């Protein structure tokens, strides 16, 4: 499976780095199967770091072998379990420590607004799920352990100006 990582640096050897903010699935190395999603992530990193070039790194992810040897949590859609997991991770109550890899939808800005309304009690879980199903959902893959990164092999990287 081909996956992508967006940043302002080429990441030939992925690492598990501490996050400076609470993320959908916790700390780890994030990738996606969607080039456009990686490009959006790269742009955000560039804006945060005031960088002039976004870099999309491409990897081969051996999901088949990883599934045989690792503990993987997969969410196929933004359902109630996913909503509770993302809410717990983004609030710091969940870390994902029991998994090597977590895969599932991305809580982009629109999706995260729904997550926040659910978290504050302004939307019920059922209402939040209905709203989430109307959003264009991208995917993300979190490599949480060093062992999981062994299944992620560098292919190439592309450098693009941010204009």
C-alpha atoms as a PDB file:
ATOM      1  CA  UNK A   1       0.000   0.000   0.000  1.00  0.00           C
ATOM      2  CA  UNK A   2       1.386   3.420  -0.949  1.00  0.00           C
ATOM      3  CA  UNK A   3       1.116   6.072   1.764  1.00  0.00           C
ATOM      4  CA  UNK A   4       2.247   9.685   2.117  1.00  0.00           C
ATOM      5  CA  UNK A   5       3.548  12.026   4.826  1.00  0.00           C
ATOM      6  CA  UNK A   6       3.358  15.815   4.527  1.00  0.00           C
ATOM      7  CA  UNK A   7       5.900  18.112   6.178  1.00  0.00           C
ATOM      8  CA  UNK A   8       8.466  20.826   5.471  1.00  0.00           C
ATOM      9  CA  UNK A   9      11.297  18.268   5.597  1.00  0.00           C
ATOM     10  CA  UNK A  10      11.905  14.997   3.787  1.00  0.00           C
ATOM     11  CA  UNK A  11      11.381  12.115   6.203  1.00  0.00           C
ATOM     12  CA  UNK A  12      13.413   9.229   4.807  1.00  0.00           C
ATOM     13  CA  UNK A  13      13.495   7.441   8.155  1.00  0.00           C
ATOM     14  CA  UNK A  14      10.205   7.929  10.031  1.00  0.00           C
ATOM     15  CA  UNK A  15      10.430   8.459  13.776  1.00  0.00           C
ATOM     16  CA  UNK A  16       8.051   8.588  16.705  1.00  0.00           C
ATOM     17  CA  UNK A  17       8.377  12.168  17.932  1.00  0.00           C
ATOM     18  CA  UNK A  18       6.564  13.836  20.820  1.00  0.00           C
ATOM     19  CA  UNK A  19       3.646  15.963  19.655  1.00  0.00           C
ATOM     20  CA  UNK A  20       3.355  19.622  20.594  1.00  0.00           C
ATOM     21  CA  UNK A  21      -0.446  19.368  20.617  1.00  0.00           C
ATOM     22  CA  UNK A  22      -3.181  16.795  21.139  1.00  0.00           C
ATOM     23  CA  UNK A  23      -3.960  14.906  17.916  1.00  0.00           C
ATOM     24  CA  UNK A  24      -6.739  12.614  16.654  1.00  0.00           C
ATOM     25  CA  UNK A  25      -5.031   9.331  17.528  1.00  0.00           C
ATOM     26  CA  UNK A  26      -2.314  10.505  19.927  1.00  0.00           C
ATOM     27  CA  UNK A  27       1.443  10.791  19.421  1.00  0.00           C
ATOM     28  CA  UNK A  28       3.302   9.002  16.687  1.00  0.00           C
ATOM     29  CA  UNK A  29       4.161   9.178  12.999  1.00  0.00           C
ATOM     30  CA  UNK A  30       1.161  10.138  10.849  1.00  0.00           C
ATOM     31  CA  UNK A  31       0.639   9.202   7.209  1.00  0.00           C
ATOM     32  CA  UNK A  32      -2.279   8.927   4.783  1.00  0.00           C
ATOM     33  CA  UNK A  33      -3.180   6.974   1.667  1.00  0.00           C
ATOM     34  CA  UNK A  34      -4.270  10.242   0.024  1.00  0.00           C
ATOM     35  CA  UNK A  35      -1.646  12.448  -1.612  1.00  0.00           C
ATOM     36  CA  UNK A  36      -3.916  15.505  -1.354  1.00  0.00           C
ATOM     37  CA  UNK A  37      -4.290  14.999   2.404  1.00  0.00           C
ATOM     38  CA  UNK A  38      -0.499  14.816   2.827  1.00  0.00           C
ATOM     39  CA  UNK A  39      -0.193  17.996   0.801  1.00  0.00           C
ATOM     40  CA  UNK A  40      -2.675  19.772   3.123  1.00  0.00           C
ATOM     41  CA  UNK A  41      -0.712  18.549   6.158  1.00  0.00           C
ATOM     42  CA  UNK A  42       2.531  19.803   4.585  1.00  0.00           C
ATOM     43  CA  UNK A  43       0.994  23.238   4.012  1.00  0.00           C
ATOM     44  CA  UNK A  44      -0.093  23.436   7.664  1.00  0.00           C
ATOM     45  CA  UNK A  45       3.412  22.512   8.837  1.00  0.00           C
ATOM     46  CA  UNK A  46       4.875  25.169   6.519  1.00  0.00           C
ATOM     47  CA  UNK A  47       2.511  27.801   7.863  1.00  0.00           C
ATOM     48  CA  UNK A  48       3.335  26.854  11.461  1.00  0.00           C
ATOM     49  CA  UNK A  49       7.102  26.828  10.825  1.00  0.00           C
ATOM     50  CA  UNK A  50       7.119  29.704   8.312  1.00  0.00           C
ATOM     51  CA  UNK A  51       8.726  27.386   5.755  1.00  0.00           C
ATOM     52  CA  UNK A  52       8.676  28.041   2.017  1.00  0.00           C
ATOM     53  CA  UNK A  53       8.597  24.470   0.721  1.00  0.00           C
ATOM     54  CA  UNK A  54       6.215  21.640   1.419  1.00  0.00           C
ATOM     55  CA  UNK A  55       7.577  18.141   1.113  1.00  0.00           C
ATOM     56  CA  UNK A  56       5.524  15.025   0.430  1.00  0.00           C
ATOM     57  CA  UNK A  57       7.304  11.792   1.278  1.00  0.00           C
ATOM     58  CA  UNK A  58       6.068   8.528  -0.246  1.00  0.00           C
ATOM     59  CA  UNK A  59       6.354   5.123   1.442  1.00  0.00           C
ATOM     60  CA  UNK A  60       5.433   1.520   0.822  1.00  0.00           C
ATOM     61  CA  UNK A  61       3.426   0.294   3.824  1.00  0.00           C
ATOM     62  CA  UNK A  62       3.291  -3.489   4.114  1.00  0.00           C
ATOM     63  CA  UNK A  63      -0.127  -3.622   5.757  1.00  0.00           C
ATOM     64  CA  UNK A  64      -0.525  -7.338   5.050  1.00  0.00           C
ATOM     65  CA  UNK A  65       2.584  -8.269   7.074  1.00  0.00           C
ATOM     66  CA  UNK A  66       1.852  -5.659   9.743  1.00  0.00           C
ATOM     67  CA  UNK A  67      -1.597  -7.179  10.305  1.00  0.00           C
ATOM     68  CA  UNK A  68       0.020 -10.550  10.999  1.00  0.00           C
ATOM     69  CA  UNK A  69       2.452  -9.286  13.629  1.00  0.00           C
ATOM     70  CA  UNK A  70       1.150  -6.060  15.167  1.00  0.00           C
ATOM     71  CA  UNK A  71      -1.818  -4.800  17.130  1.00  0.00           C
ATOM     72  CA  UNK A  72      -3.790  -2.583  14.762  1.00  0.00           C
ATOM     73  CA  UNK A  73      -6.922  -0.599  15.519  1.00  0.00           C
ATOM     74  CA  UNK A  74      -8.951   0.234  12.381  1.00  0.00           C
ATOM     75  CA  UNK A  75     -11.907   2.538  12.031  1.00  0.00           C
ATOM     76  CA  UNK A  76     -13.591   2.267   8.638  1.00  0.00           C
ATOM     77  CA  UNK A  77     -15.912   5.220   9.172  1.00  0.00           C
ATOM     78  CA  UNK A  78     -16.531   8.033  11.652  1.00  0.00           C
ATOM     79  CA  UNK A  79     -18.763   5.944  13.908  1.00  0.00           C
ATOM     80  CA  UNK A  80     -19.468   6.244  17.631  1.00  0.00           C
ATOM     81  CA  UNK A  81     -16.382   4.239  18.665  1.00  0.00           C
ATOM     82  CA  UNK A  82     -14.166   6.435  16.469  1.00  0.00           C
ATOM     83  CA  UNK A  83     -15.815   9.573  17.854  1.00  0.00           C
ATOM     84  CA  UNK A  84     -15.177   8.493  21.455  1.00  0.00           C
ATOM     85  CA  UNK A  85     -11.559   7.512  20.682  1.00  0.00           C
ATOM     86  CA  UNK A  86     -10.732  10.805  18.902  1.00  0.00           C
ATOM     87  CA  UNK A  87     -12.420  12.826  21.645  1.00  0.00           C
ATOM     88  CA  UNK A  88     -10.405  10.960  24.295  1.00  0.00           C
ATOM     89  CA  UNK A  89      -7.123  11.390  22.387  1.00  0.00           C
ATOM     90  CA  UNK A  90      -7.697  15.086  21.695  1.00  0.00           C
ATOM     91  CA  UNK A  91      -8.498  15.687  25.353  1.00  0.00           C
ATOM     92  CA  UNK A  92      -5.441  13.735  26.569  1.00  0.00           C
ATOM     93  CA  UNK A  93      -7.505  10.974  28.210  1.00  0.00           C
ATOM     94  CA  UNK A  94      -6.442   8.299  25.684  1.00  0.00           C
ATOM     95  CA  UNK A  95      -2.996   7.622  24.297  1.00  0.00           C
ATOM     96  CA  UNK A  96      -3.317   4.587  22.053  1.00  0.00           C
ATOM     97  CA  UNK A  97      -0.474   2.870  23.947  1.00  0.00           C
ATOM     98  CA  UNK A  98      -2.119  -0.519  23.506  1.00  0.00           C
ATOM     99  CA  UNK A  99      -1.803  -0.358  19.695  1.00  0.00           C
ATOM    100  CA  UNK A 100       1.098  -0.385  17.251  1.00  0.00           C
ATOM    101  CA  UNK A 101      -0.940   1.286  14.510  1.00  0.00           C
ATOM    102  CA  UNK A 102      -4.249   3.150  14.451  1.00  0.00           C
ATOM    103  CA  UNK A 103      -6.019   3.713  11.121  1.00  0.00           C
ATOM    104  CA  UNK A 104      -9.153   5.672  10.367  1.00  0.00           C
ATOM    105  CA  UNK A 105     -10.809   8.932   9.363  1.00  0.00           C
ATOM    106  CA  UNK A 106      -9.200  12.326   9.926  1.00  0.00           C
ATOM    107  CA  UNK A 107     -10.949  14.885  12.090  1.00  0.00           C
ATOM    108  CA  UNK A 108     -10.305  17.825   9.755  1.00  0.00           C
ATOM    109  CA  UNK A 109     -11.491  21.327  10.715  1.00  0.00           C
ATOM    110  CA  UNK A 110     -15.153  20.688   9.842  1.00  0.00           C
ATOM    111  CA  UNK A 111     -15.113  17.245  11.410  1.00  0.00           C
ATOM    112  CA  UNK A 112     -13.338  18.531  14.489  1.00  0.00           C
ATOM    113  CA  UNK A 113     -15.988  21.221  14.961  1.00  0.00           C
ATOM    114  CA  UNK A 114     -18.539  18.401  15.220  1.00  0.00           C
ATOM    115  CA  UNK A 115     -16.246  16.505  17.623  1.00  0.00           C
ATOM    116  CA  UNK A 116     -16.016  19.617  19.817  1.00  0.00           C
ATOM    117  CA  UNK A 117     -19.799  20.083  19.834  1.00  0.00           C
ATOM    118  CA  UNK A 118     -20.147  16.442  20.905  1.00  0.00           C
ATOM    119  CA  UNK A 119     -17.445  16.790  23.553  1.00  0.00           C
ATOM    120  CA  UNK A 120     -19.109  19.834  25.093  1.00  0.00           C
ATOM    121  CA  UNK A 121     -22.509  18.142  25.112  1.00  0.00           C
ATOM    122  CA  UNK A 122     -24.107  20.420  22.515  1.00  0.00           C
ATOM    123  CA  UNK A 123     -24.595  17.436  20.189  1.00  0.00           C
ATOM    124  CA  UNK A 124     -25.597  13.939  21.152  1.00  0.00           C
ATOM    125  CA  UNK A 125     -23.504  11.056  19.869  1.00  0.00           C
ATOM    126  CA  UNK A 126     -26.235  10.200  17.331  1.00  0.00           C
ATOM    127  CA  UNK A 127     -26.424  13.810  16.082  1.00  0.00           C
ATOM    128  CA  UNK A 128     -22.643  13.983  15.782  1.00  0.00           C
ATOM    129  CA  UNK A 129     -22.503  10.759  13.750  1.00  0.00           C
ATOM    130  CA  UNK A 130     -25.193  12.067  11.362  1.00  0.00           C
ATOM    131  CA  UNK A 131     -23.192  15.278  10.839  1.00  0.00           C
ATOM    132  CA  UNK A 132     -19.942  13.368  10.348  1.00  0.00           C
ATOM    133  CA  UNK A 133     -21.458  11.226   7.611  1.00  0.00           C
ATOM    134  CA  UNK A 134     -22.075  14.358   5.509  1.00  0.00           C
ATOM    135  CA  UNK A 135     -18.409  15.409   5.555  1.00  0.00           C
ATOM    136  CA  UNK A 136     -15.774  14.432   2.996  1.00  0.00           C
ATOM    137  CA  UNK A 137     -13.599  12.207   5.140  1.00  0.00           C
ATOM    138  CA  UNK A 138      -9.890  11.607   4.544  1.00  0.00           C
ATOM    139  CA  UNK A 139      -7.870   8.853   6.167  1.00  0.00           C
ATOM    140  CA  UNK A 140      -4.874   8.778   8.461  1.00  0.00           C
ATOM    141  CA  UNK A 141      -2.520   6.103   9.679  1.00  0.00           C
ATOM    142  CA  UNK A 142      -0.727   6.533  12.992  1.00  0.00           C
ATOM    143  CA  UNK A 143       2.429   4.498  13.508  1.00  0.00           C
ATOM    144  CA  UNK A 144       2.594   4.470  17.263  1.00  0.00           C
ATOM    145  CA  UNK A 145       5.548   2.179  17.970  1.00  0.00           C
ATOM    146  CA  UNK A 146       9.078   1.847  16.634  1.00  0.00           C
ATOM    147  CA  UNK A 147       8.209  -1.738  15.677  1.00  0.00           C
ATOM    148  CA  UNK A 148       5.370  -0.498  13.455  1.00  0.00           C
ATOM    149  CA  UNK A 149       7.718   1.750  11.482  1.00  0.00           C
ATOM    150  CA  UNK A 150       9.581  -1.334  10.216  1.00  0.00           C
ATOM    151  CA  UNK A 151       6.623  -1.871   7.861  1.00  0.00           C
ATOM    152  CA  UNK A 152       6.940   1.617   6.363  1.00  0.00           C
ATOM    153  CA  UNK A 153       9.654   1.850   3.673  1.00  0.00           C
ATOM    154  CA  UNK A 154      10.816   5.104   2.069  1.00  0.00           C
ATOM    155  CA  UNK A 155      10.288   5.389  -1.691  1.00  0.00           C
ATOM    156  CA  UNK A 156      10.819   9.070  -2.573  1.00  0.00           C
ATOM    157  CA  UNK A 157      10.026  12.648  -1.649  1.00  0.00           C
ATOM    158  CA  UNK A 158       8.819  15.653  -3.638  1.00  0.00           C
ATOM    159  CA  UNK A 159       9.565  19.288  -2.876  1.00  0.00           C
ATOM    160  CA  UNK A 160       6.976  21.894  -3.798  1.00  0.00           C
ATOM    161  CA  UNK A 161       6.826  25.639  -3.249  1.00  0.00           C
ATOM    162  CA  UNK A 162       3.922  26.717  -1.046  1.00  0.00           C
ATOM    163  CA  UNK A 163       2.431  29.228  -3.504  1.00  0.00           C
END
